[in-house]
Amino acid sequence: ATAALLSGLPVVMLEMTPEAAEDAKGRISGNLQG
């Protein structure tokens, strides 16, 4: 998802639960923070 976002593609991240989705967002944000 990070690579796609940096390439200019909008991304839909699908997870099992809202909590898991937020955790995924945290990982993506951490990558982008770098």
All heavy atoms as atom14 arrays in JSON, in Angstrom:
{
  "sequence": "ATAALLSGLPVVMLEMTPEAAEDAKGRISGNLQG",
  "atom14_mask": [
    [1, 1, 1, 1, 1, 0, 0, 0, 0, 0, 0, 0, 0, 0],
    [1, 1, 1, 1, 1, 1, 1, 0, 0, 0, 0, 0, 0, 0],
    [1, 1, 1, 1, 1, 0, 0, 0, 0, 0, 0, 0, 0, 0],
    [1, 1, 1, 1, 1, 0, 0, 0, 0, 0, 0, 0, 0, 0],
    [1, 1, 1, 1, 1, 1, 1, 1, 0, 0, 0, 0, 0, 0],
    [1, 1, 1, 1, 1, 1, 1, 1, 0, 0, 0, 0, 0, 0],
    [1, 1, 1, 1, 1, 1, 0, 0, 0, 0, 0, 0, 0, 0],
    [1, 1, 1, 1, 0, 0, 0, 0, 0, 0, 0, 0, 0, 0],
    [1, 1, 1, 1, 1, 1, 1, 1, 0, 0, 0, 0, 0, 0],
    [1, 1, 1, 1, 1, 1, 1, 0, 0, 0, 0, 0, 0, 0],
    [1, 1, 1, 1, 1, 1, 1, 0, 0, 0, 0, 0, 0, 0],
    [1, 1, 1, 1, 1, 1, 1, 0, 0, 0, 0, 0, 0, 0],
    [1, 1, 1, 1, 1, 1, 1, 1, 0, 0, 0, 0, 0, 0],
    [1, 1, 1, 1, 1, 1, 1, 1, 0, 0, 0, 0, 0, 0],
    [1, 1, 1, 1, 1, 1, 1, 1, 1, 0, 0, 0, 0, 0],
    [1, 1, 1, 1, 1, 1, 1, 1, 0, 0, 0, 0, 0, 0],
    [1, 1, 1, 1, 1, 1, 1, 0, 0, 0, 0, 0, 0, 0],
    [1, 1, 1, 1, 1, 1, 1, 0, 0, 0, 0, 0, 0, 0],
    [1, 1, 1, 1, 1, 1, 1, 1, 1, 0, 0, 0, 0, 0],
    [1, 1, 1, 1, 1, 0, 0, 0, 0, 0, 0, 0, 0, 0],
    [1, 1, 1, 1, 1, 0, 0, 0, 0, 0, 0, 0, 0, 0],
    [1, 1, 1, 1, 1, 1, 1, 1, 1, 0, 0, 0, 0, 0],
    [1, 1, 1, 1, 1, 1, 1, 1, 0, 0, 0, 0, 0, 0],
    [1, 1, 1, 1, 1, 0, 0, 0, 0, 0, 0, 0, 0, 0],
    [1, 1, 1, 1, 1, 1, 1, 1, 1, 0, 0, 0, 0, 0],
    [1, 1, 1, 1, 0, 0, 0, 0, 0, 0, 0, 0, 0, 0],
    [1, 1, 1, 1, 1, 1, 1, 1, 1, 1, 1, 0, 0, 0],
    [1, 1, 1, 1, 1, 1, 1, 1, 0, 0, 0, 0, 0, 0],
    [1, 1, 1, 1, 1, 1, 0, 0, 0, 0, 0, 0, 0, 0],
    [1, 1, 1, 1, 0, 0, 0, 0, 0, 0, 0, 0, 0, 0],
    [1, 1, 1, 1, 1, 1, 1, 1, 0, 0, 0, 0, 0, 0],
    [1, 1, 1, 1, 1, 1, 1, 1, 0, 0, 0, 0, 0, 0],
    [1, 1, 1, 1, 1, 1, 1, 1, 1, 0, 0, 0, 0, 0],
    [1, 1, 1, 1, 0, 0, 0, 0, 0, 0, 0, 0, 0, 0]
  ],
  "atom14_positions": [
    [[0.83, -1.21, 0.0], [0.0, 0.0, 0.0], [0.87, 1.26, 0.0], [0.57, 2.23, -0.7], [-0.92, -0.01, 1.22], [0.0, 0.0, 0.0], [0.0, 0.0, 0.0], [0.0, 0.0, 0.0], [0.0, 0.0, 0.0], [0.0, 0.0, 0.0], [0.0, 0.0, 0.0], [0.0, 0.0, 0.0], [0.0, 0.0, 0.0], [0.0, 0.0, 0.0]],
    [[1.95, 1.24, 0.77], [2.86, 2.4, 0.82], [3.46, 2.67, -0.55], [3.5, 3.82, -1.02], [3.99, 2.14, 1.83], [3.42, 1.87, 3.12], [4.92, 3.35, 1.93], [0.0, 0.0, 0.0], [0.0, 0.0, 0.0], [0.0, 0.0, 0.0], [0.0, 0.0, 0.0], [0.0, 0.0, 0.0], [0.0, 0.0, 0.0], [0.0, 0.0, 0.0]],
    [[3.95, 1.61, -1.21], [4.55, 1.77, -2.53], [3.53, 2.33, -3.53], [3.86, 3.2, -4.35], [5.11, 0.44, -3.02], [0.0, 0.0, 0.0], [0.0, 0.0, 0.0], [0.0, 0.0, 0.0], [0.0, 0.0, 0.0], [0.0, 0.0, 0.0], [0.0, 0.0, 0.0], [0.0, 0.0, 0.0], [0.0, 0.0, 0.0], [0.0, 0.0, 0.0]],
    [[2.3, 1.82, -3.46], [1.26, 2.29, -4.38], [0.93, 3.76, -4.13], [0.79, 4.55, -5.07], [0.01, 1.43, -4.22], [0.0, 0.0, 0.0], [0.0, 0.0, 0.0], [0.0, 0.0, 0.0], [0.0, 0.0, 0.0], [0.0, 0.0, 0.0], [0.0, 0.0, 0.0], [0.0, 0.0, 0.0], [0.0, 0.0, 0.0], [0.0, 0.0, 0.0]],
    [[0.82, 4.14, -2.87], [0.52, 5.53, -2.54], [1.62, 6.46, -3.03], [1.36, 7.52, -3.6], [0.34, 5.68, -1.02], [-0.93, 5.06, -0.44], [-0.83, 4.97, 1.09], [-2.17, 5.87, -0.83], [0.0, 0.0, 0.0], [0.0, 0.0, 0.0], [0.0, 0.0, 0.0], [0.0, 0.0, 0.0], [0.0, 0.0, 0.0], [0.0, 0.0, 0.0]],
    [[2.87, 6.07, -2.82], [3.99, 6.9, -3.27], [4.06, 6.97, -4.8], [4.65, 7.89, -5.34], [5.31, 6.34, -2.71], [5.53, 6.55, -1.22], [6.75, 5.78, -0.74], [5.67, 8.03, -0.88], [0.0, 0.0, 0.0], [0.0, 0.0, 0.0], [0.0, 0.0, 0.0], [0.0, 0.0, 0.0], [0.0, 0.0, 0.0], [0.0, 0.0, 0.0]],
    [[3.45, 5.99, -5.47], [3.42, 5.99, -6.92], [2.23, 6.78, -7.47], [2.05, 6.86, -8.68], [3.36, 4.56, -7.46], [4.51, 3.84, -7.09], [0.0, 0.0, 0.0], [0.0, 0.0, 0.0], [0.0, 0.0, 0.0], [0.0, 0.0, 0.0], [0.0, 0.0, 0.0], [0.0, 0.0, 0.0], [0.0, 0.0, 0.0], [0.0, 0.0, 0.0]],
    [[1.41, 7.31, -6.58], [0.3, 8.14, -7.02], [-1.03, 7.42, -7.15], [-2.0, 7.99, -7.68], [0.0, 0.0, 0.0], [0.0, 0.0, 0.0], [0.0, 0.0, 0.0], [0.0, 0.0, 0.0], [0.0, 0.0, 0.0], [0.0, 0.0, 0.0], [0.0, 0.0, 0.0], [0.0, 0.0, 0.0], [0.0, 0.0, 0.0], [0.0, 0.0, 0.0]],
    [[-1.11, 6.18, -6.66], [-2.36, 5.42, -6.74], [-3.15, 5.53, -5.44], [-2.59, 5.28, -4.36], [-2.09, 3.94, -7.02], [-1.51, 3.58, -8.38], [-1.16, 2.1, -8.41], [-2.51, 3.9, -9.48], [0.0, 0.0, 0.0], [0.0, 0.0, 0.0], [0.0, 0.0, 0.0], [0.0, 0.0, 0.0], [0.0, 0.0, 0.0], [0.0, 0.0, 0.0]],
    [[-4.43, 5.87, -5.5], [-5.26, 5.79, -4.3], [-5.42, 4.32, -3.91], [-5.49, 3.44, -4.78], [-6.59, 6.41, -4.71], [-6.61, 6.37, -6.2], [-5.19, 6.41, -6.65], [0.0, 0.0, 0.0], [0.0, 0.0, 0.0], [0.0, 0.0, 0.0], [0.0, 0.0, 0.0], [0.0, 0.0, 0.0], [0.0, 0.0, 0.0], [0.0, 0.0, 0.0]],
    [[-5.48, 4.05, -2.61], [-5.5, 2.67, -2.11], [-6.7, 2.45, -1.18], [-6.96, 3.28, -0.3], [-4.2, 2.33, -1.35], [-4.28, 0.96, -0.68], [-3.01, 2.37, -2.31], [0.0, 0.0, 0.0], [0.0, 0.0, 0.0], [0.0, 0.0, 0.0], [0.0, 0.0, 0.0], [0.0, 0.0, 0.0], [0.0, 0.0, 0.0], [0.0, 0.0, 0.0]],
    [[-7.39, 1.33, -1.4], [-8.4, 0.86, -0.45], [-7.79, -0.29, 0.33], [-7.43, -1.32, -0.25], [-9.68, 0.4, -1.17], [-10.68, -0.17, -0.15], [-10.31, 1.53, -1.96], [0.0, 0.0, 0.0], [0.0, 0.0, 0.0], [0.0, 0.0, 0.0], [0.0, 0.0, 0.0], [0.0, 0.0, 0.0], [0.0, 0.0, 0.0], [0.0, 0.0, 0.0]],
    [[-7.62, -0.12, 1.63], [-7.04, -1.15, 2.49], [-8.18, -1.89, 3.19], [-8.93, -1.31, 3.96], [-6.11, -0.51, 3.52], [-5.63, -1.45, 4.63], [-4.77, -2.93, 4.05], [-3.26, -2.22, 3.44], [0.0, 0.0, 0.0], [0.0, 0.0, 0.0], [0.0, 0.0, 0.0], [0.0, 0.0, 0.0], [0.0, 0.0, 0.0], [0.0, 0.0, 0.0]],
    [[-8.3, -3.19, 2.9], [-9.38, -4.0, 3.47], [-8.83, -4.89, 4.58], [-7.87, -5.62, 4.37], [-10.02, -4.86, 2.38], [-11.22, -5.68, 2.8], [-12.44, -4.78, 3.0], [-11.54, -6.76, 1.78], [0.0, 0.0, 0.0], [0.0, 0.0, 0.0], [0.0, 0.0, 0.0], [0.0, 0.0, 0.0], [0.0, 0.0, 0.0], [0.0, 0.0, 0.0]],
    [[-9.47, -4.81, 5.74], [-9.11, -5.67, 6.86], [-10.36, -6.31, 7.45], [-11.48, -5.97, 7.09], [-8.35, -4.86, 7.93], [-6.84, -5.0, 7.86], [-6.35, -6.39, 8.25], [-7.2, -7.28, 8.56], [-5.12, -6.62, 8.24], [0.0, 0.0, 0.0], [0.0, 0.0, 0.0], [0.0, 0.0, 0.0], [0.0, 0.0, 0.0], [0.0, 0.0, 0.0]],
    [[-10.13, -7.22, 8.39], [-11.25, -7.99, 8.97], [-12.1, -7.13, 9.91], [-13.32, -7.27, 9.96], [-10.7, -9.21, 9.74], [-9.97, -10.19, 8.88], [-11.07, -11.3, 8.0], [-11.71, -12.3, 9.34], [0.0, 0.0, 0.0], [0.0, 0.0, 0.0], [0.0, 0.0, 0.0], [0.0, 0.0, 0.0], [0.0, 0.0, 0.0], [0.0, 0.0, 0.0]],
    [[-11.44, -6.24, 10.67], [-12.13, -5.43, 11.68], [-11.66, -4.0, 11.6], [-10.57, -3.72, 11.06], [-11.84, -5.97, 13.1], [-10.43, -5.78, 13.37], [-12.2, -7.44, 13.22], [0.0, 0.0, 0.0], [0.0, 0.0, 0.0], [0.0, 0.0, 0.0], [0.0, 0.0, 0.0], [0.0, 0.0, 0.0], [0.0, 0.0, 0.0], [0.0, 0.0, 0.0]],
    [[-12.46, -3.05, 12.13], [-12.02, -1.66, 12.15], [-10.71, -1.48, 12.9], [-9.86, -0.68, 12.5], [-13.17, -0.93, 12.86], [-14.37, -1.79, 12.61], [-13.85, -3.2, 12.61], [0.0, 0.0, 0.0], [0.0, 0.0, 0.0], [0.0, 0.0, 0.0], [0.0, 0.0, 0.0], [0.0, 0.0, 0.0], [0.0, 0.0, 0.0], [0.0, 0.0, 0.0]],
    [[-10.51, -2.27, 13.97], [-9.27, -2.16, 14.74], [-8.06, -2.59, 13.92], [-7.0, -1.94, 13.93], [-9.37, -3.02, 16.01], [-10.39, -2.56, 17.03], [-11.81, -2.94, 16.64], [-11.98, -3.82, 15.76], [-12.75, -2.34, 17.21], [0.0, 0.0, 0.0], [0.0, 0.0, 0.0], [0.0, 0.0, 0.0], [0.0, 0.0, 0.0], [0.0, 0.0, 0.0]],
    [[-8.24, -3.7, 13.17], [-7.15, -4.19, 12.33], [-6.84, -3.19, 11.21], [-5.69, -2.99, 10.83], [-7.5, -5.55, 11.74], [0.0, 0.0, 0.0], [0.0, 0.0, 0.0], [0.0, 0.0, 0.0], [0.0, 0.0, 0.0], [0.0, 0.0, 0.0], [0.0, 0.0, 0.0], [0.0, 0.0, 0.0], [0.0, 0.0, 0.0], [0.0, 0.0, 0.0]],
    [[-7.9, -2.55, 10.69], [-7.72, -1.54, 9.64], [-6.93, -0.35, 10.17], [-6.05, 0.18, 9.47], [-9.07, -1.09, 9.1], [0.0, 0.0, 0.0], [0.0, 0.0, 0.0], [0.0, 0.0, 0.0], [0.0, 0.0, 0.0], [0.0, 0.0, 0.0], [0.0, 0.0, 0.0], [0.0, 0.0, 0.0], [0.0, 0.0, 0.0], [0.0, 0.0, 0.0]],
    [[-7.22, 0.08, 11.4], [-6.48, 1.19, 12.0], [-5.02, 0.8, 12.24], [-4.11, 1.62, 12.07], [-7.14, 1.62, 13.32], [-8.42, 2.42, 13.15], [-8.19, 3.75, 12.46], [-7.07, 4.32, 12.54], [-9.13, 4.24, 11.81], [0.0, 0.0, 0.0], [0.0, 0.0, 0.0], [0.0, 0.0, 0.0], [0.0, 0.0, 0.0], [0.0, 0.0, 0.0]],
    [[-4.82, -0.45, 12.64], [-3.44, -0.92, 12.82], [-2.67, -0.87, 11.49], [-1.5, -0.49, 11.44], [-3.42, -2.36, 13.36], [-3.85, -2.43, 14.82], [-3.84, -1.37, 15.49], [-4.19, -3.53, 15.28], [0.0, 0.0, 0.0], [0.0, 0.0, 0.0], [0.0, 0.0, 0.0], [0.0, 0.0, 0.0], [0.0, 0.0, 0.0], [0.0, 0.0, 0.0]],
    [[-3.36, -1.26, 10.41], [-2.74, -1.22, 9.08], [-2.39, 0.21, 8.71], [-1.31, 0.48, 8.17], [-3.68, -1.83, 8.04], [0.0, 0.0, 0.0], [0.0, 0.0, 0.0], [0.0, 0.0, 0.0], [0.0, 0.0, 0.0], [0.0, 0.0, 0.0], [0.0, 0.0, 0.0], [0.0, 0.0, 0.0], [0.0, 0.0, 0.0], [0.0, 0.0, 0.0]],
    [[-3.31, 1.13, 9.01], [-3.03, 2.54, 8.71], [-1.81, 3.03, 9.48], [-0.99, 3.8, 8.96], [-4.24, 3.4, 9.06], [-4.03, 4.88, 8.73], [-5.25, 5.71, 9.03], [-5.01, 7.18, 8.67], [-6.19, 8.03, 8.94], [0.0, 0.0, 0.0], [0.0, 0.0, 0.0], [0.0, 0.0, 0.0], [0.0, 0.0, 0.0], [0.0, 0.0, 0.0]],
    [[-1.66, 2.55, 10.71], [-0.5, 2.93, 11.51], [0.81, 2.47, 10.88], [1.79, 3.2, 10.87], [0.0, 0.0, 0.0], [0.0, 0.0, 0.0], [0.0, 0.0, 0.0], [0.0, 0.0, 0.0], [0.0, 0.0, 0.0], [0.0, 0.0, 0.0], [0.0, 0.0, 0.0], [0.0, 0.0, 0.0], [0.0, 0.0, 0.0], [0.0, 0.0, 0.0]],
    [[0.77, 1.23, 10.32], [1.98, 0.73, 9.67], [2.31, 1.55, 8.41], [3.46, 1.89, 8.14], [1.8, -0.75, 9.28], [1.65, -1.68, 10.47], [1.59, -3.14, 10.06], [1.18, -3.95, 11.19], [-0.06, -4.35, 11.42], [-1.03, -4.02, 10.57], [-0.36, -5.05, 12.48], [0.0, 0.0, 0.0], [0.0, 0.0, 0.0], [0.0, 0.0, 0.0]],
    [[1.28, 1.86, 7.64], [1.48, 2.65, 6.42], [2.0, 4.04, 6.78], [2.94, 4.56, 6.15], [0.16, 2.73, 5.61], [-0.24, 1.35, 5.12], [0.31, 3.7, 4.44], [-1.66, 1.26, 4.6], [0.0, 0.0, 0.0], [0.0, 0.0, 0.0], [0.0, 0.0, 0.0], [0.0, 0.0, 0.0], [0.0, 0.0, 0.0], [0.0, 0.0, 0.0]],
    [[1.4, 4.63, 7.81], [1.84, 5.97, 8.25], [3.3, 5.93, 8.71], [4.07, 6.86, 8.45], [0.95, 6.48, 9.38], [-0.38, 6.66, 8.92], [0.0, 0.0, 0.0], [0.0, 0.0, 0.0], [0.0, 0.0, 0.0], [0.0, 0.0, 0.0], [0.0, 0.0, 0.0], [0.0, 0.0, 0.0], [0.0, 0.0, 0.0], [0.0, 0.0, 0.0]],
    [[3.66, 4.85, 9.4], [5.05, 4.7, 9.84], [6.01, 4.63, 8.67], [7.08, 5.25, 8.68], [0.0, 0.0, 0.0], [0.0, 0.0, 0.0], [0.0, 0.0, 0.0], [0.0, 0.0, 0.0], [0.0, 0.0, 0.0], [0.0, 0.0, 0.0], [0.0, 0.0, 0.0], [0.0, 0.0, 0.0], [0.0, 0.0, 0.0], [0.0, 0.0, 0.0]],
    [[5.6, 3.88, 7.63], [6.44, 3.8, 6.42], [6.6, 5.18, 5.78], [7.7, 5.59, 5.4], [5.82, 2.85, 5.41], [5.83, 1.4, 5.87], [6.61, 1.03, 6.76], [4.97, 0.58, 5.29], [0.0, 0.0, 0.0], [0.0, 0.0, 0.0], [0.0, 0.0, 0.0], [0.0, 0.0, 0.0], [0.0, 0.0, 0.0], [0.0, 0.0, 0.0]],
    [[5.48, 5.9, 5.66], [5.5, 7.2, 5.02], [6.23, 8.24, 5.87], [6.8, 9.2, 5.34], [4.07, 7.67, 4.73], [3.33, 6.85, 3.67], [1.86, 7.25, 3.62], [3.97, 7.05, 2.29], [0.0, 0.0, 0.0], [0.0, 0.0, 0.0], [0.0, 0.0, 0.0], [0.0, 0.0, 0.0], [0.0, 0.0, 0.0], [0.0, 0.0, 0.0]],
    [[6.21, 8.02, 7.19], [6.93, 8.93, 8.08], [8.42, 8.89, 7.77], [9.11, 9.91, 7.83], [6.68, 8.51, 9.54], [7.12, 9.55, 10.56], [6.14, 10.71, 10.65], [4.95, 10.5, 10.67], [6.65, 11.92, 10.71], [0.0, 0.0, 0.0], [0.0, 0.0, 0.0], [0.0, 0.0, 0.0], [0.0, 0.0, 0.0], [0.0, 0.0, 0.0]],
    [[8.91, 7.69, 7.42], [10.31, 7.57, 7.04], [10.62, 8.38, 5.79], [11.65, 9.05, 5.71], [0.0, 0.0, 0.0], [0.0, 0.0, 0.0], [0.0, 0.0, 0.0], [0.0, 0.0, 0.0], [0.0, 0.0, 0.0], [0.0, 0.0, 0.0], [0.0, 0.0, 0.0], [0.0, 0.0, 0.0], [0.0, 0.0, 0.0], [0.0, 0.0, 0.0]]
  ]
}
